[in-house]
Amino acid sequence: MRARTALALAALTLTAAACGSSSSEGGGSVAGDTASKAPASSAGDELVVLEDDLKLQTVDNIVPVVTAKAVTPALEAALGKVTAALTTETLVGLNRQADVERKTPPVVAKSFVEDKALSAGLTGGNGKLVVGAANFSENQILANVFEQVLDAAGFDASVKPVTSRDVYGPALERGEINVMPEYAGTLTEYFNKKANGPNAPARATGDLTVTLAALRPLAEAKGLKVLDPAEAADQNAFAVTKAFAEANSLTKLSDLKAYKGDLVLGGPPECPTRPFCKPGLEKTYGLTFSNFKALDAGGPLTKTALKKGEIQVGLVFSSDGSLSARS
């Protein structure tokens, strides 16, 4: 999961178009002065991202991570063309093609590579490379873009579907995966906690330069190299239904502390252990959740659960292709 990392998100509206076992964690009602109201039905409602007003999230620019043994000038040149072309606006557009227009990640990637002429002039590659693709469409698009430009450079690249970072991280370290589209802040904290323990102070910050300076030595200790980042960033964000937000006067995450009813959080299975997910909401915002529902990472399961009222708060991503408005 990306914490999934330091834009302050204003309230964002998501379109109705689109994270399954559940696990419980202790909780209770959240103290507050206002009455809390649940809408009669949230099915089909738009989703509203609440502003991260206390700055829980850190930078999460996209960075290619490569096994050190696989790094060559040809590989760096190929992936450098990709990151140079990736802005956040471009990333939102790519996600929209997959999540709203229902195009497959390979098709979206092919169009992007062609439109930006990313394969032009690439040479010097040879040998096989495995590119990991995590279980959400954005990462799958990026993995396919990486594969296509690496093929154009002369490598024999393939995309391997993977699941959570806890699974693919060790595979990357072992060299079973050679290249992975990653997220700077989230990856920094993943390595930080592995190296220094679960209670280690955060090394990722709202400053990309500072975060990369912390990330690169941590990655090098695992036999990995972090290449130059893209301007494009994709941070964790937390959504509620528009009806729920309006009924309870919610525009920012700190407003949730006034909510008196049961508050169920939905997100990927690793959310309860990630500092920028459930623990961060509890520590930074003082929220108490009556339950956690394990779903997907900002995908259709989370969005559907929100709209059905099965959860009140769900993890989504700031580069979600179904974002229809920003304020």
Protein backbone atom coordinates (compact mmCIF):
# COMPACT_ATOMS: atom_id res chain seq x y z
CA MET A 1 0.00 0.00 0.00
CA ARG A 2 1.08 3.35 -0.70
CA ALA A 3 0.93 5.84 2.08
CA ARG A 4 0.91 5.43 -0.49
CA THR A 5 3.05 9.97 0.23
CA ALA A 6 2.78 16.16 0.47
CA LEU A 7 0.12 17.79 -1.21
CA ALA A 8 -2.61 19.00 1.13
CA LEU A 9 -5.70 17.53 -0.48
CA ALA A 10 -8.67 19.79 -0.77
CA ALA A 11 -12.10 18.20 -0.86
CA LEU A 12 -12.23 16.14 -4.04
CA THR A 13 -15.29 14.67 -5.66
CA LEU A 14 -15.18 11.21 -7.20
CA THR A 15 -17.62 10.00 -9.80
CA ALA A 16 -19.94 7.12 -8.99
CA ALA A 17 -17.98 4.71 -11.21
CA ALA A 18 -15.74 2.63 -9.44
CA CYS A 19 -10.32 -2.68 -1.27
CA GLY A 20 -12.80 -9.60 0.73
CA SER A 21 -12.64 -10.76 4.15
CA SER A 22 -13.01 -8.47 7.11
CA SER A 23 -11.17 -8.25 10.37
CA SER A 24 -12.22 -6.49 13.54
CA GLU A 25 -10.22 -4.24 15.77
CA GLY A 26 -11.40 -2.81 19.06
CA GLY A 27 -12.99 0.59 19.09
CA GLY A 28 -15.90 2.62 20.28
CA SER A 29 -17.76 5.75 19.46
CA VAL A 30 -15.84 8.90 18.74
CA ALA A 31 -16.40 11.75 21.14
CA GLY A 32 -17.88 14.94 19.76
CA ASP A 33 -20.35 17.74 20.30
CA THR A 34 -22.56 17.32 17.25
CA ALA A 35 -25.14 14.70 16.48
CA SER A 36 -24.00 12.20 13.88
CA LYS A 37 -26.28 11.27 11.06
CA ALA A 38 -26.05 8.38 8.62
CA PRO A 39 -27.72 8.89 5.25
CA ALA A 40 -30.64 6.61 4.52
CA SER A 41 -28.80 5.13 1.57
CA SER A 42 -25.42 5.97 0.13
CA ALA A 43 -25.75 3.61 -2.85
CA GLY A 44 -24.77 5.43 -6.02
CA ASP A 45 -23.55 8.53 -4.16
CA GLU A 46 -20.49 10.42 -5.26
CA LEU A 47 -17.44 10.07 -3.05
CA VAL A 48 -15.70 12.99 -1.39
CA VAL A 49 -12.06 12.94 -0.35
CA LEU A 50 -11.54 14.70 2.97
CA GLU A 51 -8.69 17.20 3.19
CA ASP A 52 -5.61 15.89 4.99
CA ASP A 53 -5.51 19.08 7.08
CA LEU A 54 -2.99 17.80 9.66
CA LYS A 55 -0.64 16.57 6.91
CA LEU A 56 -0.58 12.85 7.74
CA GLN A 57 0.65 11.89 4.28
CA THR A 58 4.12 12.48 2.89
CA VAL A 59 5.44 12.78 -0.66
CA ASP A 60 4.74 9.74 -2.82
CA ASN A 61 6.25 10.48 -6.20
CA ILE A 62 6.58 7.56 -8.57
CA VAL A 63 10.12 6.11 -8.67
CA PRO A 64 11.49 3.12 -10.57
CA VAL A 65 13.26 0.70 -8.23
CA VAL A 66 15.71 -1.73 -9.84
CA THR A 67 17.84 -4.59 -8.58
CA ALA A 68 21.39 -3.21 -8.54
CA LYS A 69 22.70 -6.07 -10.71
CA ALA A 70 20.22 -5.16 -13.45
CA VAL A 71 21.13 -1.46 -13.66
CA THR A 72 22.75 -0.42 -16.94
CA PRO A 73 22.92 2.90 -18.81
CA ALA A 74 20.39 1.54 -21.31
CA LEU A 75 17.92 0.66 -18.55
CA GLU A 76 18.34 4.02 -16.83
CA ALA A 77 17.86 5.87 -20.13
CA ALA A 78 14.67 3.95 -20.93
CA LEU A 79 13.05 4.40 -17.52
CA GLY A 80 14.28 8.00 -17.34
CA LYS A 81 12.25 8.84 -20.44
CA VAL A 82 9.16 7.49 -18.71
CA THR A 83 9.57 9.41 -15.46
CA ALA A 84 10.39 12.62 -17.34
CA ALA A 85 7.04 12.34 -19.14
CA LEU A 86 4.92 11.56 -16.05
CA THR A 87 3.10 14.44 -14.41
CA THR A 88 0.32 14.03 -11.88
CA GLU A 89 -2.16 15.32 -14.44
CA THR A 90 -0.92 12.74 -16.94
CA LEU A 91 -1.20 10.00 -14.31
CA VAL A 92 -4.81 10.93 -13.53
CA GLY A 93 -5.55 10.74 -17.25
CA LEU A 94 -3.99 7.29 -17.57
CA ASN A 95 -5.98 6.07 -14.58
CA ARG A 96 -9.16 7.49 -16.05
CA GLN A 97 -8.68 5.44 -19.19
CA ALA A 98 -8.46 2.26 -17.12
CA ASP A 99 -10.95 2.95 -14.34
CA VAL A 100 -13.61 4.96 -16.16
CA GLU A 101 -13.19 4.11 -19.84
CA ARG A 102 -12.42 0.45 -18.96
CA LYS A 103 -9.36 0.09 -21.14
CA THR A 104 -6.85 -2.57 -20.10
CA PRO A 105 -3.51 -1.49 -18.59
CA PRO A 106 -1.48 -2.82 -21.56
CA VAL A 107 -3.66 -0.85 -23.98
CA VAL A 108 -3.41 2.34 -21.90
CA ALA A 109 0.36 1.88 -21.65
CA LYS A 110 0.79 1.32 -25.39
CA SER A 111 -1.11 4.50 -26.20
CA PHE A 112 0.96 6.52 -23.72
CA VAL A 113 4.25 5.18 -25.05
CA GLU A 114 3.21 5.97 -28.61
CA ASP A 115 1.78 9.43 -27.82
CA LYS A 116 4.93 10.48 -25.98
CA ALA A 117 7.32 8.71 -28.38
CA LEU A 118 8.93 7.06 -25.38
CA SER A 119 10.46 4.22 -27.36
CA ALA A 120 12.27 6.50 -29.83
CA GLY A 121 16.05 6.36 -29.78
CA LEU A 122 16.39 3.69 -27.11
CA THR A 123 19.19 1.18 -27.67
CA GLY A 124 21.80 -0.88 -25.87
CA GLY A 125 19.67 -3.22 -23.81
CA ASN A 126 20.00 -6.99 -23.64
CA GLY A 127 18.91 -9.82 -21.39
CA LYS A 128 15.69 -10.68 -19.60
CA LEU A 129 14.00 -8.37 -17.10
CA VAL A 130 10.93 -9.00 -14.96
CA VAL A 131 8.79 -5.97 -14.13
CA GLY A 132 6.48 -6.29 -11.14
CA ALA A 133 2.90 -5.02 -11.35
CA ALA A 134 1.01 -4.58 -8.07
CA ASN A 135 -2.68 -5.34 -7.75
CA PHE A 136 -4.17 -2.01 -8.81
CA SER A 137 -4.60 -0.55 -12.28
CA GLU A 138 -2.24 2.43 -11.94
CA ASN A 139 0.72 0.26 -11.03
CA GLN A 140 -0.21 -2.20 -13.77
CA ILE A 141 -0.24 0.62 -16.32
CA LEU A 142 3.17 1.83 -15.16
CA ALA A 143 4.60 -1.70 -15.22
CA ASN A 144 3.41 -2.15 -18.79
CA VAL A 145 4.91 1.20 -19.79
CA PHE A 146 8.21 0.11 -18.25
CA GLU A 147 8.03 -3.22 -20.10
CA GLN A 148 7.36 -1.59 -23.43
CA VAL A 149 10.18 0.95 -23.25
CA LEU A 150 12.60 -1.68 -21.98
CA ASP A 151 11.66 -3.92 -24.90
CA ALA A 152 12.22 -0.98 -27.25
CA ALA A 153 15.70 -0.53 -25.75
CA GLY A 154 16.56 -4.16 -26.60
CA PHE A 155 15.73 -5.95 -23.36
CA ASP A 156 13.47 -8.99 -23.17
CA ALA A 157 11.07 -7.63 -20.56
CA SER A 158 7.95 -9.23 -19.11
CA VAL A 159 5.33 -8.13 -16.58
CA LYS A 160 4.71 -10.26 -13.50
CA PRO A 161 1.51 -9.63 -11.47
CA VAL A 162 2.24 -9.32 -7.75
CA THR A 163 0.17 -8.56 -4.68
CA SER A 164 1.12 -6.50 -1.62
CA ARG A 165 4.51 -4.94 -0.93
CA ASP A 166 5.06 -7.44 1.87
CA VAL A 167 5.03 -10.14 -0.83
CA TYR A 168 6.76 -8.46 -3.75
CA GLY A 169 9.31 -6.55 -1.65
CA PRO A 170 11.26 -9.70 -0.70
CA ALA A 171 10.90 -10.98 -4.29
CA LEU A 172 12.49 -7.78 -5.53
CA GLU A 173 15.31 -8.12 -3.01
CA ARG A 174 15.90 -11.71 -4.14
CA GLY A 175 16.06 -10.66 -7.79
CA GLU A 176 12.94 -12.59 -8.78
CA ILE A 177 11.63 -9.20 -9.90
CA ASN A 178 14.13 -6.78 -11.47
CA VAL A 179 12.11 -3.59 -11.85
CA MET A 180 9.18 -2.17 -9.88
CA PRO A 181 7.19 1.07 -10.21
CA GLU A 182 7.23 2.36 -6.63
CA TYR A 183 6.19 5.31 -4.48
CA ALA A 184 8.90 7.30 -2.71
CA GLY A 185 7.40 7.97 0.70
CA THR A 186 5.68 4.65 1.14
CA LEU A 187 8.76 2.69 0.11
CA THR A 188 10.94 4.76 2.45
CA GLU A 189 8.78 3.80 5.41
CA TYR A 190 8.57 0.16 4.31
CA PHE A 191 12.37 -0.13 4.37
CA ASN A 192 12.67 2.09 7.46
CA LYS A 193 10.39 -0.12 9.53
CA LYS A 194 12.08 -3.29 8.28
CA ALA A 195 15.52 -1.95 9.15
CA ASN A 196 14.75 -0.08 12.36
CA GLY A 197 11.64 -1.71 13.79
CA PRO A 198 7.90 -0.95 13.66
CA ASN A 199 8.20 2.01 16.03
CA ALA A 200 11.05 3.73 14.20
CA PRO A 201 10.54 7.47 13.63
CA ALA A 202 9.34 8.24 10.12
CA ARG A 203 12.04 9.02 7.58
CA ALA A 204 9.66 10.03 4.78
CA THR A 205 8.63 13.70 4.84
CA GLY A 206 6.81 16.27 2.77
CA ASP A 207 10.10 17.10 1.03
CA LEU A 208 10.98 14.86 -1.91
CA THR A 209 14.72 15.57 -1.74
CA VAL A 210 14.86 14.72 1.97
CA THR A 211 12.77 11.60 1.46
CA LEU A 212 14.94 10.32 -1.40
CA ALA A 213 18.06 10.97 0.68
CA ALA A 214 16.60 8.66 3.32
CA LEU A 215 15.27 6.09 0.85
CA ARG A 216 18.33 5.49 -1.31
CA PRO A 217 20.69 4.14 1.39
CA LEU A 218 17.89 1.95 2.76
CA ALA A 219 17.29 0.52 -0.72
CA GLU A 220 21.01 0.08 -1.41
CA ALA A 221 21.30 -2.03 1.74
CA LYS A 222 18.80 -4.41 0.09
CA GLY A 223 20.71 -4.55 -3.21
CA LEU A 224 18.35 -2.10 -4.94
CA LYS A 225 18.79 1.20 -6.73
CA VAL A 226 16.18 3.98 -6.73
CA LEU A 227 16.23 5.87 -10.02
CA ASP A 228 15.16 9.46 -10.64
CA PRO A 229 11.55 10.18 -9.59
CA ALA A 230 8.70 11.43 -11.70
CA GLU A 231 6.87 14.66 -10.99
CA ALA A 232 3.75 12.51 -10.82
CA ALA A 233 2.68 11.62 -7.29
CA ASP A 234 -0.04 9.40 -5.89
CA GLN A 235 -0.80 9.74 -2.21
CA ASN A 236 -3.18 7.97 0.10
CA ALA A 237 -6.42 9.82 0.62
CA PHE A 238 -9.55 9.01 2.59
CA ALA A 239 -13.03 9.23 1.15
CA VAL A 240 -16.59 9.29 2.46
CA THR A 241 -19.84 9.51 0.54
CA LYS A 242 -21.04 12.97 -0.33
CA ALA A 243 -24.28 12.28 1.55
CA PHE A 244 -22.36 11.26 4.68
CA ALA A 245 -20.13 14.34 4.42
CA GLU A 246 -23.08 16.69 4.03
CA ALA A 247 -25.07 15.07 6.86
CA ASN A 248 -22.13 15.44 9.25
CA SER A 249 -20.52 18.68 8.00
CA LEU A 250 -17.31 16.97 6.92
CA THR A 251 -14.76 18.67 4.67
CA LYS A 252 -11.49 17.59 6.32
CA LEU A 253 -10.26 14.55 8.20
CA SER A 254 -10.16 16.36 11.54
CA ASP A 255 -13.94 16.88 11.26
CA LEU A 256 -14.41 13.13 11.73
CA LYS A 257 -13.48 13.42 15.40
CA ALA A 258 -16.91 14.97 16.05
CA TYR A 259 -18.69 11.93 14.61
CA LYS A 260 -20.41 9.97 17.40
CA GLY A 261 -21.56 6.85 15.58
CA ASP A 262 -19.72 3.69 14.68
CA LEU A 263 -16.89 4.50 12.30
CA VAL A 264 -15.75 1.63 10.08
CA LEU A 265 -12.61 2.04 8.02
CA GLY A 266 -12.06 0.13 4.80
CA GLY A 267 -8.83 -0.41 2.91
CA PRO A 268 -6.21 -2.94 1.87
CA PRO A 269 -5.37 -5.72 4.36
CA GLU A 270 -2.09 -4.10 5.41
CA CYS A 271 -3.79 -0.80 6.41
CA PRO A 272 -3.95 -1.65 10.16
CA THR A 273 -0.15 -1.86 10.32
CA ARG A 274 0.78 1.01 8.00
CA PRO A 275 1.70 4.33 9.69
CA PHE A 276 -0.05 6.42 7.04
CA CYS A 277 -3.26 4.38 7.16
CA LYS A 278 -5.20 3.26 10.25
CA PRO A 279 -2.45 3.94 12.85
CA GLY A 280 -1.84 7.37 11.35
CA LEU A 281 -5.51 8.30 11.42
CA GLU A 282 -5.67 7.22 15.05
CA LYS A 283 -2.48 8.99 16.13
CA THR A 284 -2.59 12.15 14.03
CA TYR A 285 -6.34 12.73 14.02
CA GLY A 286 -7.37 11.03 17.28
CA LEU A 287 -9.94 8.84 15.51
CA THR A 288 -11.34 5.64 16.97
CA PHE A 289 -12.66 3.01 14.57
CA SER A 290 -15.27 0.49 15.66
CA ASN A 291 -14.09 -1.92 12.97
CA PHE A 292 -11.76 -2.36 10.02
CA LYS A 293 -12.88 -4.06 6.81
CA ALA A 294 -10.15 -5.55 4.63
CA LEU A 295 -10.89 -4.67 1.01
CA ASP A 296 -8.67 -3.51 -1.87
CA ALA A 297 -6.26 -0.59 -2.34
CA GLY A 298 -8.49 2.26 -3.43
CA GLY A 299 -10.37 0.06 -5.87
CA PRO A 300 -13.95 -0.99 -6.64
CA LEU A 301 -14.39 -3.03 -3.46
CA THR A 302 -13.65 -0.01 -1.29
CA LYS A 303 -15.78 2.34 -3.37
CA THR A 304 -18.71 -0.08 -3.43
CA ALA A 305 -18.48 -0.61 0.34
CA LEU A 306 -18.58 3.15 0.85
CA LYS A 307 -21.62 3.59 -1.39
CA LYS A 308 -23.44 0.70 0.31
CA GLY A 309 -22.73 2.10 3.76
CA GLU A 310 -20.67 -0.96 4.81
CA ILE A 311 -17.83 1.39 5.73
CA GLN A 312 -17.89 5.10 6.52
CA VAL A 313 -14.28 5.91 5.55
CA GLY A 314 -12.30 4.29 2.75
CA LEU A 315 -8.76 4.58 1.49
CA VAL A 316 -8.50 5.87 -2.08
CA PHE A 317 -5.66 7.47 -4.05
CA SER A 318 -5.15 11.11 -4.99
CA SER A 319 -4.47 10.20 -8.65
CA ASP A 320 -7.70 8.21 -8.95
CA GLY A 321 -8.88 8.38 -12.55
CA SER A 322 -12.50 8.85 -11.47
CA LEU A 323 -11.77 12.20 -9.83
CA SER A 324 -14.25 14.56 -11.43
CA ALA A 325 -13.52 17.82 -9.63
CA ARG A 326 -10.88 19.45 -7.48
CA SER A 327 -11.40 22.46 -5.27
